[in-house]
Amino acid sequence: MNDSHDLPAQPEQAIPSEAAPPASFSSEFRAALPAGPEPFAFSGRGSEYFRIWIVNLLLSLLTLGIYSAWAKVRRLRYFYGNTSVAGSSFDYHGNPKAILKGRIIAVVLLAIYNFAGATSHLLGLLAGLVLAFAGPWLIWRSLQFKLYNTSYRGIRFGFGGSAGGVFRHFWAWPMLGVVSLGLLAPLAYQRFKRYQHGQTRFGATQFSFHGSVWAFYKAFLAGAGLWLAGVLVLFFSLGGLGSLASLQVGGLYGLLLVLLLYGWTFTAFPLLMTLLQNLVWNSTRLGEHQFRSTMRWPRAVFISVTNLLGIACTLGLYTPFAQIRMMRYRIESLTLLPTGSLDDFLASSEAHGSATSEGLGDLLDFDLSM
């Protein structure tokens, strides 16, 4: 006989409440853990965008370009709405009337410049100086308009900066790159991206850029070096100076060299594009959060070449499909690397972002971008 059956039933002892974990313990613990990588996704389709593209094209032609402002809004809303990260997509809030106003201003300024140049060289020079000083201010306002009208989960982006800063980084540095015959081009591009990303914010959180000048020189040297090596191989494989001589008299070898150089340039350019996108985004931070870009040259070349063939064979009708293919690859090569809870980060960004953005809608009321 089992003695335990003869014992009186013992009342169950309640576990002290101090030993029970709080109901919110698991959620708080999960929130404290570092979030995993959040890859960007693009859900746009060529067949959908083709309908938007063809309607935009026809209406822009029928209205002599007036509808192009509305076309731009439709296009950006489609691309932004189909770009998502961490389960949420982006939104574009631009007003087409504001975009049209900016384009009218651009056309008027160009018309004044052309009229002044045709009337007098001195007037043309003065008009050029006016444009040189007004241009940075217009570009600055355009950048503010574009970013302020971009949002993610209801939180808007923004751009600080100044007209003077835009002039230095968008005009002066590129001009130095040209005057130096390209020797300062990597430095100019590094300064340009550092200013552009460093002056951008998401709500209350500032972006920052950490790409070094030497990293940009390496990217440019890799792209230029590969292109030059291919040019030399083509040049000497087709007879060297003999092909140039035949080119002068319309020879077959010279024509073949030109075609091959064009094809090689089109093939080598995606290398520089992939190197720069990877470098720029891998060097960009949003607060403490990082980004990772993993574009690959062979894939970019394949998409570029097949897109070109498709556009050529369809007399341009494949253009929207080509844009979707390249956009999907570039976006889906990008990943957000959070260092903590995205919900907490978004909550802290929203509180200040809505306050600082209040009233900017009336100030930033035109867009200069074409």
Protein backbone atom coordinates (compact mmCIF):
# COMPACT_ATOMS: atom_id res chain seq x y z
CA MET A 1 0.00 0.00 0.00
CA ASN A 2 1.26 3.38 -0.86
CA ASP A 3 1.58 5.53 2.26
CA SER A 4 1.05 8.70 0.31
CA HIS A 5 -2.60 7.76 -0.30
CA ASP A 6 -3.20 7.64 3.47
CA LEU A 7 -1.97 11.16 4.04
CA PRO A 8 -4.48 13.99 4.08
CA ALA A 9 -4.50 16.19 1.03
CA GLN A 10 -2.11 19.10 1.41
CA PRO A 11 -3.31 22.51 0.31
CA GLU A 12 -1.37 23.98 -2.60
CA GLN A 13 0.90 26.78 -1.56
CA ALA A 14 0.60 29.96 -3.63
CA ILE A 15 3.74 31.22 -5.23
CA PRO A 16 4.71 34.55 -3.76
CA SER A 17 3.82 37.41 -6.03
CA GLU A 18 7.41 38.68 -5.87
CA ALA A 19 8.60 35.57 -7.77
CA ALA A 20 6.24 36.09 -10.70
CA PRO A 21 7.67 38.19 -13.53
CA PRO A 22 5.67 41.27 -14.43
CA ALA A 23 3.30 40.94 -17.37
CA SER A 24 5.30 43.42 -19.42
CA PHE A 25 8.65 41.82 -18.67
CA SER A 26 8.92 39.85 -21.92
CA SER A 27 7.96 42.81 -24.10
CA GLU A 28 10.38 45.11 -22.28
CA PHE A 29 13.11 42.51 -22.59
CA ARG A 30 12.52 42.15 -26.31
CA ALA A 31 12.54 45.92 -26.73
CA ALA A 32 15.91 46.10 -24.97
CA LEU A 33 17.45 43.62 -27.40
CA PRO A 34 19.19 45.04 -30.45
CA ALA A 35 16.92 44.89 -33.48
CA GLY A 36 17.96 42.72 -36.40
CA PRO A 37 18.80 43.99 -39.88
CA GLU A 38 15.86 45.51 -41.74
CA PRO A 39 16.28 45.14 -45.52
CA PHE A 40 14.61 47.67 -47.79
CA ALA A 41 11.98 46.27 -50.16
CA PHE A 42 10.51 47.53 -53.41
CA SER A 43 7.14 46.20 -54.58
CA GLY A 44 6.68 48.24 -57.76
CA ARG A 45 5.88 46.39 -60.99
CA GLY A 46 6.65 47.37 -64.55
CA SER A 47 3.11 46.75 -65.79
CA GLU A 48 1.68 49.07 -63.10
CA TYR A 49 4.20 51.80 -63.65
CA PHE A 50 3.83 51.59 -67.44
CA ARG A 51 0.24 52.85 -67.14
CA ILE A 52 1.37 55.79 -65.01
CA TRP A 53 4.31 56.51 -67.31
CA ILE A 54 2.36 56.48 -70.57
CA VAL A 55 -0.45 58.68 -69.19
CA ASN A 56 2.11 61.13 -67.77
CA LEU A 57 3.92 61.26 -71.10
CA LEU A 58 0.81 61.83 -73.21
CA LEU A 59 -0.71 64.47 -70.93
CA SER A 60 2.62 66.30 -70.64
CA LEU A 61 2.83 66.46 -74.44
CA LEU A 62 -0.77 67.55 -74.86
CA THR A 63 -0.40 70.34 -72.28
CA LEU A 64 3.00 71.49 -73.60
CA GLY A 65 4.72 70.41 -70.38
CA ILE A 66 2.30 71.93 -67.87
CA TYR A 67 1.10 68.52 -66.68
CA SER A 68 4.71 67.43 -66.03
CA ALA A 69 4.45 68.79 -62.47
CA TRP A 70 1.49 66.52 -61.75
CA ALA A 71 3.31 63.70 -63.56
CA LYS A 72 6.26 64.09 -61.21
CA VAL A 73 4.01 63.85 -58.15
CA ARG A 74 2.31 60.71 -59.48
CA ARG A 75 5.68 59.13 -60.25
CA LEU A 76 7.23 59.93 -56.86
CA ARG A 77 4.16 58.79 -54.96
CA TYR A 78 4.32 55.47 -56.78
CA PHE A 79 8.02 54.91 -56.14
CA TYR A 80 7.88 56.12 -52.52
CA GLY A 81 4.73 54.16 -51.75
CA ASN A 82 6.30 50.94 -53.05
CA THR A 83 9.54 51.42 -51.08
CA SER A 84 9.37 50.01 -47.57
CA VAL A 85 11.56 49.10 -44.60
CA ALA A 86 10.57 47.49 -41.29
CA GLY A 87 7.05 46.90 -42.57
CA SER A 88 6.22 50.52 -43.47
CA SER A 89 6.49 52.47 -46.72
CA PHE A 90 7.48 56.04 -47.50
CA ASP A 91 5.10 58.82 -48.56
CA TYR A 92 5.46 61.85 -50.80
CA HIS A 93 3.33 64.94 -50.09
CA GLY A 94 4.53 67.36 -52.75
CA ASN A 95 2.05 69.84 -54.21
CA PRO A 96 2.11 69.83 -58.04
CA LYS A 97 1.19 73.52 -58.13
CA ALA A 98 4.31 74.31 -56.11
CA ILE A 99 6.41 72.24 -58.51
CA LEU A 100 4.87 74.01 -61.48
CA LYS A 101 5.66 77.37 -59.85
CA GLY A 102 9.32 76.38 -59.50
CA ARG A 103 9.53 75.30 -63.12
CA ILE A 104 7.98 78.53 -64.31
CA ILE A 105 10.60 80.44 -62.30
CA ALA A 106 13.36 78.33 -63.88
CA VAL A 107 12.03 78.93 -67.40
CA VAL A 108 11.69 82.69 -66.79
CA LEU A 109 15.26 82.92 -65.47
CA LEU A 110 16.65 81.03 -68.45
CA ALA A 111 14.63 83.18 -70.85
CA ILE A 112 15.99 86.36 -69.24
CA TYR A 113 19.53 85.01 -69.47
CA ASN A 114 19.17 84.08 -73.15
CA PHE A 115 17.53 87.40 -74.01
CA ALA A 116 20.22 89.36 -72.19
CA GLY A 117 22.98 87.38 -73.89
CA ALA A 118 21.45 87.95 -77.31
CA THR A 119 21.05 91.67 -76.67
CA SER A 120 24.49 92.44 -75.26
CA HIS A 121 27.52 90.55 -74.04
CA LEU A 122 27.63 92.80 -70.97
CA LEU A 123 23.97 92.14 -70.16
CA GLY A 124 24.56 88.43 -70.67
CA LEU A 125 27.47 88.53 -68.23
CA LEU A 126 25.39 90.41 -65.65
CA ALA A 127 22.51 87.95 -66.06
CA GLY A 128 24.94 85.07 -65.62
CA LEU A 129 26.24 86.58 -62.38
CA VAL A 130 22.67 86.99 -61.11
CA LEU A 131 21.95 83.35 -61.86
CA ALA A 132 25.21 82.32 -60.21
CA PHE A 133 24.18 84.04 -56.97
CA ALA A 134 20.47 83.11 -57.14
CA GLY A 135 21.12 79.49 -58.11
CA PRO A 136 22.37 78.23 -54.71
CA TRP A 137 19.40 79.79 -52.93
CA LEU A 138 16.97 78.16 -55.36
CA ILE A 139 18.68 74.77 -55.03
CA TRP A 140 18.63 75.07 -51.24
CA ARG A 141 14.90 75.82 -51.24
CA SER A 142 14.31 72.95 -53.65
CA LEU A 143 16.15 70.48 -51.38
CA GLN A 144 14.12 71.66 -48.40
CA PHE A 145 10.90 71.24 -50.36
CA LYS A 146 11.74 67.72 -51.49
CA LEU A 147 12.76 66.39 -48.09
CA TYR A 148 10.03 68.16 -46.13
CA ASN A 149 7.47 66.49 -48.41
CA THR A 150 8.95 63.05 -47.77
CA SER A 151 7.77 61.08 -44.73
CA TYR A 152 8.04 57.67 -43.09
CA ARG A 153 5.42 56.54 -40.60
CA GLY A 154 4.07 60.06 -40.50
CA ILE A 155 7.44 61.62 -39.59
CA ARG A 156 8.85 64.06 -42.14
CA PHE A 157 12.40 64.47 -43.29
CA GLY A 158 14.09 67.84 -43.41
CA PHE A 159 17.11 69.66 -44.77
CA GLY A 160 19.01 72.38 -42.93
CA GLY A 161 22.01 74.00 -44.52
CA SER A 162 22.21 77.47 -46.00
CA ALA A 163 22.50 79.14 -49.40
CA GLY A 164 26.21 79.72 -48.75
CA GLY A 165 26.80 76.09 -47.88
CA VAL A 166 24.95 74.94 -50.98
CA PHE A 167 27.04 77.34 -53.09
CA ARG A 168 30.32 75.95 -51.71
CA HIS A 169 29.43 72.28 -51.95
CA PHE A 170 27.15 72.19 -55.00
CA TRP A 171 28.87 74.82 -57.16
CA ALA A 172 32.36 75.74 -55.97
CA TRP A 173 33.65 72.21 -55.32
CA PRO A 174 32.33 70.76 -58.62
CA MET A 175 33.91 73.68 -60.48
CA LEU A 176 37.24 72.91 -58.82
CA GLY A 177 36.85 69.32 -59.95
CA VAL A 178 36.39 70.49 -63.55
CA VAL A 179 39.21 73.07 -63.45
CA SER A 180 41.62 70.48 -62.02
CA LEU A 181 40.85 68.16 -64.98
CA GLY A 182 39.24 65.65 -62.65
CA LEU A 183 42.04 65.42 -60.10
CA LEU A 184 39.85 67.00 -57.42
CA ALA A 185 36.64 65.30 -58.55
CA PRO A 186 36.69 62.60 -55.80
CA LEU A 187 37.31 65.27 -53.15
CA ALA A 188 34.52 67.44 -54.57
CA TYR A 189 32.09 64.51 -54.57
CA GLN A 190 33.02 63.58 -51.00
CA ARG A 191 32.36 67.15 -49.84
CA PHE A 192 29.08 67.18 -51.76
CA LYS A 193 27.77 63.96 -50.17
CA ARG A 194 29.03 64.89 -46.71
CA TYR A 195 27.12 68.16 -46.83
CA GLN A 196 24.01 66.64 -48.39
CA HIS A 197 23.69 63.79 -45.90
CA GLY A 198 24.99 65.78 -42.93
CA GLN A 199 22.33 68.46 -43.34
CA THR A 200 19.47 65.97 -43.68
CA ARG A 201 17.36 64.91 -40.71
CA PHE A 202 14.52 62.53 -39.98
CA GLY A 203 12.25 64.22 -37.48
CA ALA A 204 14.56 65.16 -34.62
CA THR A 205 17.37 62.80 -35.63
CA GLN A 206 20.23 64.04 -37.80
CA PHE A 207 21.95 62.03 -40.49
CA SER A 208 25.75 61.99 -40.52
CA PHE A 209 28.34 61.02 -43.09
CA HIS A 210 31.71 59.39 -42.34
CA GLY A 211 33.18 58.55 -45.74
CA SER A 212 36.82 59.55 -46.05
CA VAL A 213 38.36 61.38 -48.99
CA TRP A 214 40.75 58.50 -49.61
CA ALA A 215 37.83 56.06 -49.89
CA PHE A 216 36.34 58.19 -52.66
CA TYR A 217 39.68 58.39 -54.45
CA LYS A 218 39.94 54.60 -54.33
CA ALA A 219 36.45 54.23 -55.79
CA PHE A 220 37.15 56.70 -58.60
CA LEU A 221 40.54 55.15 -59.31
CA ALA A 222 39.02 51.66 -59.48
CA GLY A 223 36.34 52.78 -61.91
CA ALA A 224 38.67 54.89 -64.05
CA GLY A 225 41.43 52.28 -63.92
CA LEU A 226 39.16 49.49 -65.14
CA TRP A 227 37.81 51.66 -67.94
CA LEU A 228 41.30 52.73 -69.05
CA ALA A 229 42.57 49.14 -68.98
CA GLY A 230 39.69 48.05 -71.20
CA VAL A 231 40.30 50.95 -73.59
CA LEU A 232 43.97 50.00 -73.95
CA VAL A 233 43.12 46.36 -74.59
CA LEU A 234 40.64 47.32 -77.30
CA PHE A 235 43.00 49.85 -78.80
CA PHE A 236 45.98 47.53 -79.19
CA SER A 237 43.92 44.48 -80.09
CA LEU A 238 42.55 46.37 -83.12
CA GLY A 239 45.88 47.51 -84.44
CA GLY A 240 46.74 50.49 -82.26
CA LEU A 241 47.57 53.60 -84.25
CA GLY A 242 46.49 51.88 -87.44
CA SER A 243 42.88 51.86 -86.29
CA LEU A 244 43.05 55.60 -85.63
CA ALA A 245 44.43 56.21 -89.09
CA SER A 246 41.63 54.15 -90.61
CA LEU A 247 39.14 56.09 -88.52
CA GLN A 248 40.23 59.31 -90.20
CA VAL A 249 39.42 57.90 -93.64
CA GLY A 250 36.25 56.15 -92.53
CA GLY A 251 37.82 52.69 -92.20
CA LEU A 252 36.01 49.65 -90.78
CA TYR A 253 38.50 49.18 -87.93
CA GLY A 254 38.05 52.73 -86.74
CA LEU A 255 34.27 52.39 -86.73
CA LEU A 256 34.53 49.10 -84.90
CA LEU A 257 36.82 50.70 -82.30
CA VAL A 258 34.32 53.49 -81.67
CA LEU A 259 31.46 51.01 -81.21
CA LEU A 260 33.53 48.84 -78.89
CA LEU A 261 34.64 51.85 -76.84
CA TYR A 262 31.04 52.95 -76.45
CA GLY A 263 29.98 49.45 -75.38
CA TRP A 264 32.89 49.14 -72.94
CA THR A 265 32.17 52.54 -71.41
CA PHE A 266 28.54 51.57 -70.90
CA THR A 267 29.67 48.30 -69.30
CA ALA A 268 32.32 49.84 -67.04
CA PHE A 269 30.18 52.72 -65.75
CA PRO A 270 28.04 50.47 -63.47
CA LEU A 271 31.23 49.59 -61.56
CA LEU A 272 31.66 53.21 -60.49
CA MET A 273 27.94 53.45 -59.75
CA THR A 274 28.00 50.38 -57.48
CA LEU A 275 31.20 51.44 -55.73
CA LEU A 276 29.83 54.90 -55.00
CA GLN A 277 26.42 53.72 -53.79
CA ASN A 278 28.01 51.17 -51.49
CA LEU A 279 30.53 53.70 -50.21
CA VAL A 280 27.98 56.48 -49.64
CA TRP A 281 25.40 54.38 -47.79
CA ASN A 282 27.92 52.32 -45.83
CA SER A 283 29.31 55.65 -44.57
CA THR A 284 25.91 57.13 -43.64
CA ARG A 285 24.36 57.05 -40.16
CA LEU A 286 20.92 58.01 -38.88
CA GLY A 287 21.63 58.81 -35.26
CA GLU A 288 23.27 55.58 -34.08
CA HIS A 289 21.67 53.45 -36.78
CA GLN A 290 23.75 52.35 -39.76
CA PHE A 291 23.09 51.33 -43.35
CA ARG A 292 24.59 48.61 -45.50
CA SER A 293 24.62 48.58 -49.30
CA THR A 294 25.62 45.43 -51.19
CA MET A 295 25.32 46.28 -54.89
CA ARG A 296 27.39 44.07 -57.20
CA TRP A 297 28.94 45.12 -60.50
CA PRO A 298 28.02 42.00 -62.58
CA ARG A 299 24.36 42.27 -61.64
CA ALA A 300 24.30 46.02 -62.31
CA VAL A 301 25.92 45.47 -65.72
CA PHE A 302 23.40 42.78 -66.63
CA ILE A 303 20.46 45.00 -65.71
CA SER A 304 21.92 48.02 -67.52
CA VAL A 305 22.70 46.13 -70.74
CA THR A 306 19.38 44.28 -70.91
CA ASN A 307 17.52 47.51 -70.12
CA LEU A 308 19.31 49.27 -73.00
CA LEU A 309 18.50 46.43 -75.39
CA GLY A 310 14.88 46.42 -74.28
CA ILE A 311 14.51 50.17 -74.75
CA ALA A 312 16.16 50.04 -78.18
CA CYS A 313 14.06 47.10 -79.42
CA THR A 314 10.76 48.64 -78.25
CA LEU A 315 11.52 52.20 -79.41
CA GLY A 316 11.46 53.46 -75.83
CA LEU A 317 8.32 51.69 -74.59
CA TYR A 318 10.41 49.47 -72.29
CA THR A 319 11.64 52.57 -70.38
CA PRO A 320 9.26 52.23 -67.38
CA PHE A 321 10.10 48.54 -67.02
CA ALA A 322 13.81 49.40 -67.13
CA GLN A 323 13.37 52.06 -64.44
CA ILE A 324 11.53 49.59 -62.20
CA ARG A 325 14.22 46.92 -62.62
CA MET A 326 17.10 49.22 -61.74
CA MET A 327 15.20 50.88 -58.91
CA ARG A 328 14.32 47.50 -57.38
CA TYR A 329 17.94 46.36 -57.46
CA ARG A 330 19.30 49.57 -55.95
CA ILE A 331 16.69 49.70 -53.18
CA GLU A 332 16.79 46.01 -52.29
CA SER A 333 20.58 46.16 -52.03
CA LEU A 334 20.14 48.48 -49.04
CA THR A 335 19.66 47.35 -45.43
CA LEU A 336 19.02 49.31 -42.24
CA LEU A 337 21.10 48.13 -39.26
CA PRO A 338 19.31 49.35 -36.11
CA THR A 339 21.19 49.54 -32.83
CA GLY A 340 18.05 49.35 -30.70
CA SER A 341 14.27 49.41 -30.76
CA LEU A 342 12.94 51.12 -33.87
CA ASP A 343 9.65 51.89 -32.12
CA ASP A 344 11.42 53.86 -29.40
CA PHE A 345 13.57 55.62 -31.99
CA LEU A 346 10.54 56.60 -34.07
CA ALA A 347 8.67 57.85 -31.00
CA SER A 348 11.57 60.08 -29.96
CA SER A 349 11.96 61.39 -33.50
CA GLU A 350 8.27 62.17 -33.91
CA ALA A 351 7.97 64.34 -30.82
CA HIS A 352 10.46 66.94 -32.03
CA GLY A 353 9.94 66.44 -35.76
CA SER A 354 6.34 67.59 -35.83
CA ALA A 355 7.22 70.71 -33.79
CA THR A 356 10.18 71.81 -35.89
CA SER A 357 8.34 71.18 -39.14
CA GLU A 358 5.31 73.25 -38.20
CA GLY A 359 4.80 76.16 -40.55
CA LEU A 360 7.32 75.02 -43.14
CA GLY A 361 4.53 74.17 -45.56
CA ASP A 362 3.92 77.86 -46.26
CA LEU A 363 7.61 78.72 -46.46
CA LEU A 364 8.77 75.92 -48.77
CA ASP A 365 6.13 76.40 -51.40
CA PHE A 366 8.00 75.66 -54.60
CA ASP A 367 10.27 73.04 -56.07
CA LEU A 368 12.93 73.82 -58.65
CA SER A 369 13.88 70.25 -59.54
CA MET A 370 13.02 69.18 -63.06
